[in-house]
Amino acid sequence: MEQPNLSYIHSMSGGDKAFEEKLLDIIKNEFPLEKQVYCTNFEAGHFKATAECVHKLKHKISILGLEKSYELAQAYEANLLESNTKGHLEFEAVLKVITDYLEQL
């Protein structure tokens, strides 16, 4: 599985370390909350709400340089809108990789 990285953040910042830190702080604060809302909605079977959570999480996936995972999330989001959970386990694996990565930063 691909690993998160800060390449996109570095390219956006133009070397502005304060900007990079602020963006990472936002991700570190928002990601666990968005992940929890995602889990709650999925467990309750609220697939449209779960798809909305995936949509929000996709942005963080992209910012962390996870191109293949972003594509996986797009497909999963579309499946959820049709009440289809195909891609759930793969998406959960992506969330775990991001969680582990953010805890190390």
N, C-alpha and C. Protein backbone atom coordinates (compact mmCIF):
# COMPACT_ATOMS: atom_id res chain seq x y z
N MET A 1 0.85 -1.18 0.00
CA MET A 1 0.00 0.00 0.00
C MET A 1 0.89 1.23 0.00
N GLU A 2 0.45 2.24 -0.74
CA GLU A 2 1.22 3.48 -0.79
C GLU A 2 1.23 4.16 0.58
N GLN A 3 2.22 4.98 0.80
CA GLN A 3 2.39 5.64 2.09
C GLN A 3 2.16 7.14 1.96
N PRO A 4 1.57 7.75 2.97
CA PRO A 4 1.38 9.20 2.95
C PRO A 4 2.73 9.92 2.88
N ASN A 5 2.69 11.11 2.33
CA ASN A 5 3.89 11.93 2.26
C ASN A 5 3.51 13.40 2.25
N LEU A 6 4.49 14.24 2.38
CA LEU A 6 4.25 15.67 2.46
C LEU A 6 4.62 16.40 1.16
N SER A 7 4.82 15.67 0.09
CA SER A 7 5.24 16.27 -1.18
C SER A 7 4.27 17.34 -1.66
N TYR A 8 2.99 17.04 -1.64
CA TYR A 8 2.00 18.00 -2.11
C TYR A 8 1.98 19.24 -1.21
N ILE A 9 2.07 19.03 0.08
CA ILE A 9 2.08 20.17 1.02
C ILE A 9 3.31 21.03 0.77
N HIS A 10 4.46 20.40 0.56
CA HIS A 10 5.69 21.16 0.28
C HIS A 10 5.55 21.95 -1.03
N SER A 11 4.94 21.34 -2.03
CA SER A 11 4.79 22.03 -3.32
C SER A 11 3.82 23.21 -3.21
N MET A 12 2.79 23.07 -2.38
CA MET A 12 1.82 24.16 -2.19
C MET A 12 2.41 25.31 -1.38
N SER A 13 3.29 24.99 -0.46
CA SER A 13 3.76 25.99 0.50
C SER A 13 4.80 26.93 -0.07
N GLY A 14 5.50 26.50 -1.11
CA GLY A 14 6.57 27.34 -1.64
C GLY A 14 7.67 27.56 -0.60
N GLY A 15 7.83 26.60 0.29
CA GLY A 15 8.88 26.71 1.31
C GLY A 15 8.44 27.41 2.59
N ASP A 16 7.18 27.81 2.67
CA ASP A 16 6.66 28.51 3.85
C ASP A 16 6.37 27.48 4.94
N LYS A 17 7.30 27.33 5.88
CA LYS A 17 7.18 26.30 6.93
C LYS A 17 5.99 26.56 7.84
N ALA A 18 5.66 27.83 8.10
CA ALA A 18 4.51 28.15 8.95
C ALA A 18 3.22 27.66 8.29
N PHE A 19 3.12 27.85 6.99
CA PHE A 19 1.95 27.37 6.25
C PHE A 19 1.84 25.85 6.34
N GLU A 20 2.98 25.17 6.14
CA GLU A 20 3.00 23.71 6.21
C GLU A 20 2.54 23.23 7.57
N GLU A 21 3.06 23.84 8.62
CA GLU A 21 2.69 23.44 9.99
C GLU A 21 1.21 23.67 10.25
N LYS A 22 0.69 24.81 9.77
CA LYS A 22 -0.71 25.13 9.99
C LYS A 22 -1.61 24.11 9.27
N LEU A 23 -1.25 23.78 8.03
CA LEU A 23 -2.03 22.81 7.28
C LEU A 23 -1.99 21.44 7.95
N LEU A 24 -0.82 21.03 8.40
CA LEU A 24 -0.70 19.74 9.09
C LEU A 24 -1.50 19.73 10.39
N ASP A 25 -1.48 20.84 11.12
CA ASP A 25 -2.27 20.92 12.35
C ASP A 25 -3.75 20.76 12.07
N ILE A 26 -4.20 21.39 10.99
CA ILE A 26 -5.62 21.27 10.60
C ILE A 26 -5.94 19.81 10.30
N ILE A 27 -5.09 19.17 9.52
CA ILE A 27 -5.32 17.77 9.17
C ILE A 27 -5.31 16.89 10.42
N LYS A 28 -4.33 17.11 11.29
CA LYS A 28 -4.24 16.30 12.51
C LYS A 28 -5.47 16.47 13.40
N ASN A 29 -6.05 17.66 13.41
CA ASN A 29 -7.23 17.91 14.24
C ASN A 29 -8.51 17.40 13.59
N GLU A 30 -8.66 17.63 12.29
CA GLU A 30 -9.90 17.28 11.61
C GLU A 30 -10.02 15.81 11.26
N PHE A 31 -8.91 15.19 10.86
CA PHE A 31 -8.98 13.81 10.38
C PHE A 31 -9.61 12.84 11.38
N PRO A 32 -9.17 12.83 12.64
CA PRO A 32 -9.78 11.86 13.58
C PRO A 32 -11.28 12.09 13.77
N LEU A 33 -11.70 13.34 13.76
CA LEU A 33 -13.13 13.64 13.93
C LEU A 33 -13.92 13.18 12.71
N GLU A 34 -13.40 13.48 11.52
CA GLU A 34 -14.08 13.06 10.29
C GLU A 34 -14.10 11.54 10.17
N LYS A 35 -13.03 10.90 10.60
CA LYS A 35 -12.97 9.43 10.57
C LYS A 35 -14.02 8.84 11.51
N GLN A 36 -14.19 9.43 12.68
CA GLN A 36 -15.17 8.94 13.63
C GLN A 36 -16.59 9.10 13.10
N VAL A 37 -16.89 10.23 12.49
CA VAL A 37 -18.22 10.45 11.91
C VAL A 37 -18.47 9.44 10.79
N TYR A 38 -17.43 9.21 9.99
CA TYR A 38 -17.53 8.19 8.93
C TYR A 38 -17.90 6.83 9.54
N CYS A 39 -17.15 6.41 10.56
CA CYS A 39 -17.39 5.10 11.18
C CYS A 39 -18.78 5.00 11.77
N THR A 40 -19.22 6.05 12.43
CA THR A 40 -20.55 6.07 13.04
C THR A 40 -21.63 5.92 11.98
N ASN A 41 -21.51 6.68 10.89
CA ASN A 41 -22.51 6.60 9.82
C ASN A 41 -22.49 5.25 9.13
N PHE A 42 -21.30 4.70 8.90
CA PHE A 42 -21.21 3.39 8.25
C PHE A 42 -21.86 2.32 9.11
N GLU A 43 -21.52 2.32 10.40
CA GLU A 43 -22.08 1.31 11.31
C GLU A 43 -23.60 1.41 11.42
N ALA A 44 -24.13 2.63 11.26
CA ALA A 44 -25.58 2.82 11.33
C ALA A 44 -26.26 2.52 10.00
N GLY A 45 -25.47 2.26 8.96
CA GLY A 45 -26.05 1.96 7.65
C GLY A 45 -26.55 3.18 6.91
N HIS A 46 -26.08 4.34 7.29
CA HIS A 46 -26.46 5.59 6.62
C HIS A 46 -25.49 5.84 5.46
N PHE A 47 -25.77 5.21 4.34
CA PHE A 47 -24.80 5.20 3.26
C PHE A 47 -24.60 6.56 2.60
N LYS A 48 -25.66 7.35 2.47
CA LYS A 48 -25.49 8.68 1.87
C LYS A 48 -24.60 9.55 2.77
N ALA A 49 -24.87 9.52 4.06
CA ALA A 49 -24.05 10.28 5.01
C ALA A 49 -22.62 9.75 5.03
N THR A 50 -22.47 8.44 4.90
CA THR A 50 -21.13 7.85 4.84
C THR A 50 -20.40 8.32 3.60
N ALA A 51 -21.11 8.38 2.48
CA ALA A 51 -20.50 8.87 1.23
C ALA A 51 -20.04 10.32 1.38
N GLU A 52 -20.82 11.13 2.10
CA GLU A 52 -20.43 12.52 2.34
C GLU A 52 -19.16 12.58 3.17
N CYS A 53 -19.02 11.68 4.12
CA CYS A 53 -17.80 11.62 4.93
C CYS A 53 -16.60 11.22 4.07
N VAL A 54 -16.81 10.25 3.21
CA VAL A 54 -15.73 9.81 2.32
C VAL A 54 -15.31 10.98 1.44
N HIS A 55 -16.29 11.74 0.97
CA HIS A 55 -15.99 12.90 0.13
C HIS A 55 -15.08 13.89 0.87
N LYS A 56 -15.38 14.16 2.12
CA LYS A 56 -14.54 15.07 2.92
C LYS A 56 -13.16 14.48 3.16
N LEU A 57 -13.11 13.20 3.45
CA LEU A 57 -11.83 12.54 3.72
C LEU A 57 -10.95 12.46 2.48
N LYS A 58 -11.58 12.43 1.30
CA LYS A 58 -10.81 12.37 0.05
C LYS A 58 -9.84 13.53 -0.06
N HIS A 59 -10.24 14.70 0.42
CA HIS A 59 -9.37 15.87 0.32
C HIS A 59 -8.09 15.66 1.13
N LYS A 60 -8.22 15.09 2.28
CA LYS A 60 -7.03 14.83 3.10
C LYS A 60 -6.17 13.73 2.49
N ILE A 61 -6.83 12.75 1.90
CA ILE A 61 -6.11 11.67 1.21
C ILE A 61 -5.26 12.27 0.09
N SER A 62 -5.85 13.18 -0.64
CA SER A 62 -5.14 13.84 -1.75
C SER A 62 -3.99 14.69 -1.25
N ILE A 63 -4.24 15.48 -0.23
CA ILE A 63 -3.20 16.36 0.32
C ILE A 63 -2.01 15.55 0.84
N LEU A 64 -2.28 14.35 1.32
CA LEU A 64 -1.21 13.50 1.84
C LEU A 64 -0.56 12.65 0.75
N GLY A 65 -0.83 12.99 -0.51
CA GLY A 65 -0.12 12.38 -1.64
C GLY A 65 -0.51 10.95 -1.97
N LEU A 66 -1.68 10.54 -1.56
CA LEU A 66 -2.12 9.16 -1.78
C LEU A 66 -3.01 9.08 -3.02
N GLU A 67 -2.38 9.07 -4.18
CA GLU A 67 -3.12 9.13 -5.44
C GLU A 67 -3.99 7.90 -5.68
N LYS A 68 -3.45 6.72 -5.47
CA LYS A 68 -4.22 5.49 -5.69
C LYS A 68 -5.35 5.38 -4.66
N SER A 69 -5.06 5.79 -3.45
CA SER A 69 -6.08 5.74 -2.39
C SER A 69 -7.20 6.73 -2.68
N TYR A 70 -6.85 7.86 -3.30
CA TYR A 70 -7.86 8.84 -3.69
C TYR A 70 -8.81 8.22 -4.72
N GLU A 71 -8.25 7.53 -5.69
CA GLU A 71 -9.07 6.87 -6.71
C GLU A 71 -9.97 5.81 -6.06
N LEU A 72 -9.41 5.06 -5.13
CA LEU A 72 -10.19 4.05 -4.40
C LEU A 72 -11.34 4.73 -3.66
N ALA A 73 -11.07 5.86 -3.01
CA ALA A 73 -12.10 6.59 -2.26
C ALA A 73 -13.19 7.10 -3.19
N GLN A 74 -12.81 7.56 -4.38
CA GLN A 74 -13.81 8.02 -5.35
C GLN A 74 -14.76 6.89 -5.73
N ALA A 75 -14.21 5.73 -6.02
CA ALA A 75 -15.04 4.59 -6.39
C ALA A 75 -15.93 4.16 -5.21
N TYR A 76 -15.37 4.15 -4.04
CA TYR A 76 -16.11 3.76 -2.84
C TYR A 76 -17.26 4.74 -2.57
N GLU A 77 -16.98 6.03 -2.72
CA GLU A 77 -18.02 7.05 -2.53
C GLU A 77 -19.18 6.80 -3.50
N ALA A 78 -18.87 6.54 -4.76
CA ALA A 78 -19.91 6.28 -5.75
C ALA A 78 -20.70 5.02 -5.38
N ASN A 79 -20.01 4.00 -4.91
CA ASN A 79 -20.70 2.77 -4.49
C ASN A 79 -21.65 3.04 -3.33
N LEU A 80 -21.19 3.81 -2.36
CA LEU A 80 -22.03 4.11 -1.20
C LEU A 80 -23.31 4.83 -1.60
N LEU A 81 -23.20 5.70 -2.58
CA LEU A 81 -24.39 6.44 -3.03
C LEU A 81 -25.43 5.49 -3.65
N GLU A 82 -24.99 4.28 -3.99
CA GLU A 82 -25.90 3.26 -4.50
C GLU A 82 -26.15 2.18 -3.45
N SER A 83 -25.85 2.50 -2.19
CA SER A 83 -26.02 1.58 -1.06
C SER A 83 -25.21 0.30 -1.22
N ASN A 84 -24.05 0.44 -1.85
CA ASN A 84 -23.14 -0.68 -2.09
C ASN A 84 -21.87 -0.40 -1.28
N THR A 85 -21.46 -1.35 -0.46
CA THR A 85 -20.29 -1.14 0.40
C THR A 85 -18.99 -1.67 -0.19
N LYS A 86 -19.01 -1.99 -1.48
CA LYS A 86 -17.77 -2.47 -2.12
C LYS A 86 -16.69 -1.40 -1.97
N GLY A 87 -15.54 -1.83 -1.46
CA GLY A 87 -14.42 -0.92 -1.23
C GLY A 87 -14.25 -0.54 0.23
N HIS A 88 -15.18 -1.00 1.07
CA HIS A 88 -15.13 -0.63 2.49
C HIS A 88 -13.82 -1.07 3.16
N LEU A 89 -13.45 -2.31 3.00
CA LEU A 89 -12.24 -2.81 3.69
C LEU A 89 -10.99 -2.09 3.20
N GLU A 90 -10.92 -1.85 1.91
CA GLU A 90 -9.76 -1.13 1.35
C GLU A 90 -9.70 0.30 1.89
N PHE A 91 -10.87 0.95 1.98
CA PHE A 91 -10.92 2.31 2.50
C PHE A 91 -10.52 2.34 3.97
N GLU A 92 -10.97 1.37 4.73
CA GLU A 92 -10.59 1.27 6.14
C GLU A 92 -9.07 1.14 6.28
N ALA A 93 -8.45 0.38 5.38
CA ALA A 93 -7.00 0.21 5.40
C ALA A 93 -6.30 1.55 5.14
N VAL A 94 -6.85 2.34 4.22
CA VAL A 94 -6.30 3.67 3.94
C VAL A 94 -6.39 4.55 5.18
N LEU A 95 -7.54 4.51 5.84
CA LEU A 95 -7.72 5.32 7.06
C LEU A 95 -6.72 4.93 8.13
N LYS A 96 -6.45 3.64 8.25
CA LYS A 96 -5.48 3.18 9.25
C LYS A 96 -4.08 3.68 8.91
N VAL A 97 -3.70 3.60 7.65
CA VAL A 97 -2.37 4.07 7.24
C VAL A 97 -2.24 5.57 7.55
N ILE A 98 -3.28 6.33 7.26
CA ILE A 98 -3.22 7.77 7.54
C ILE A 98 -3.17 8.03 9.04
N THR A 99 -3.97 7.31 9.80
CA THR A 99 -3.96 7.47 11.26
C THR A 99 -2.58 7.21 11.81
N ASP A 100 -1.98 6.11 11.41
CA ASP A 100 -0.63 5.76 11.88
C ASP A 100 0.39 6.83 11.49
N TYR A 101 0.28 7.33 10.27
CA TYR A 101 1.20 8.34 9.78
C TYR A 101 1.07 9.64 10.59
N LEU A 102 -0.15 10.08 10.80
CA LEU A 102 -0.38 11.34 11.53
C LEU A 102 0.08 11.24 12.98
N GLU A 103 -0.05 10.06 13.56
CA GLU A 103 0.41 9.87 14.94
C GLU A 103 1.93 9.96 15.04
N GLN A 104 2.64 9.69 13.96
CA GLN A 104 4.10 9.74 13.96
C GLN A 104 4.63 11.16 13.73
N LEU A 105 3.80 12.03 13.16
CA LEU A 105 4.27 13.39 12.86
C LEU A 105 4.42 14.23 14.12
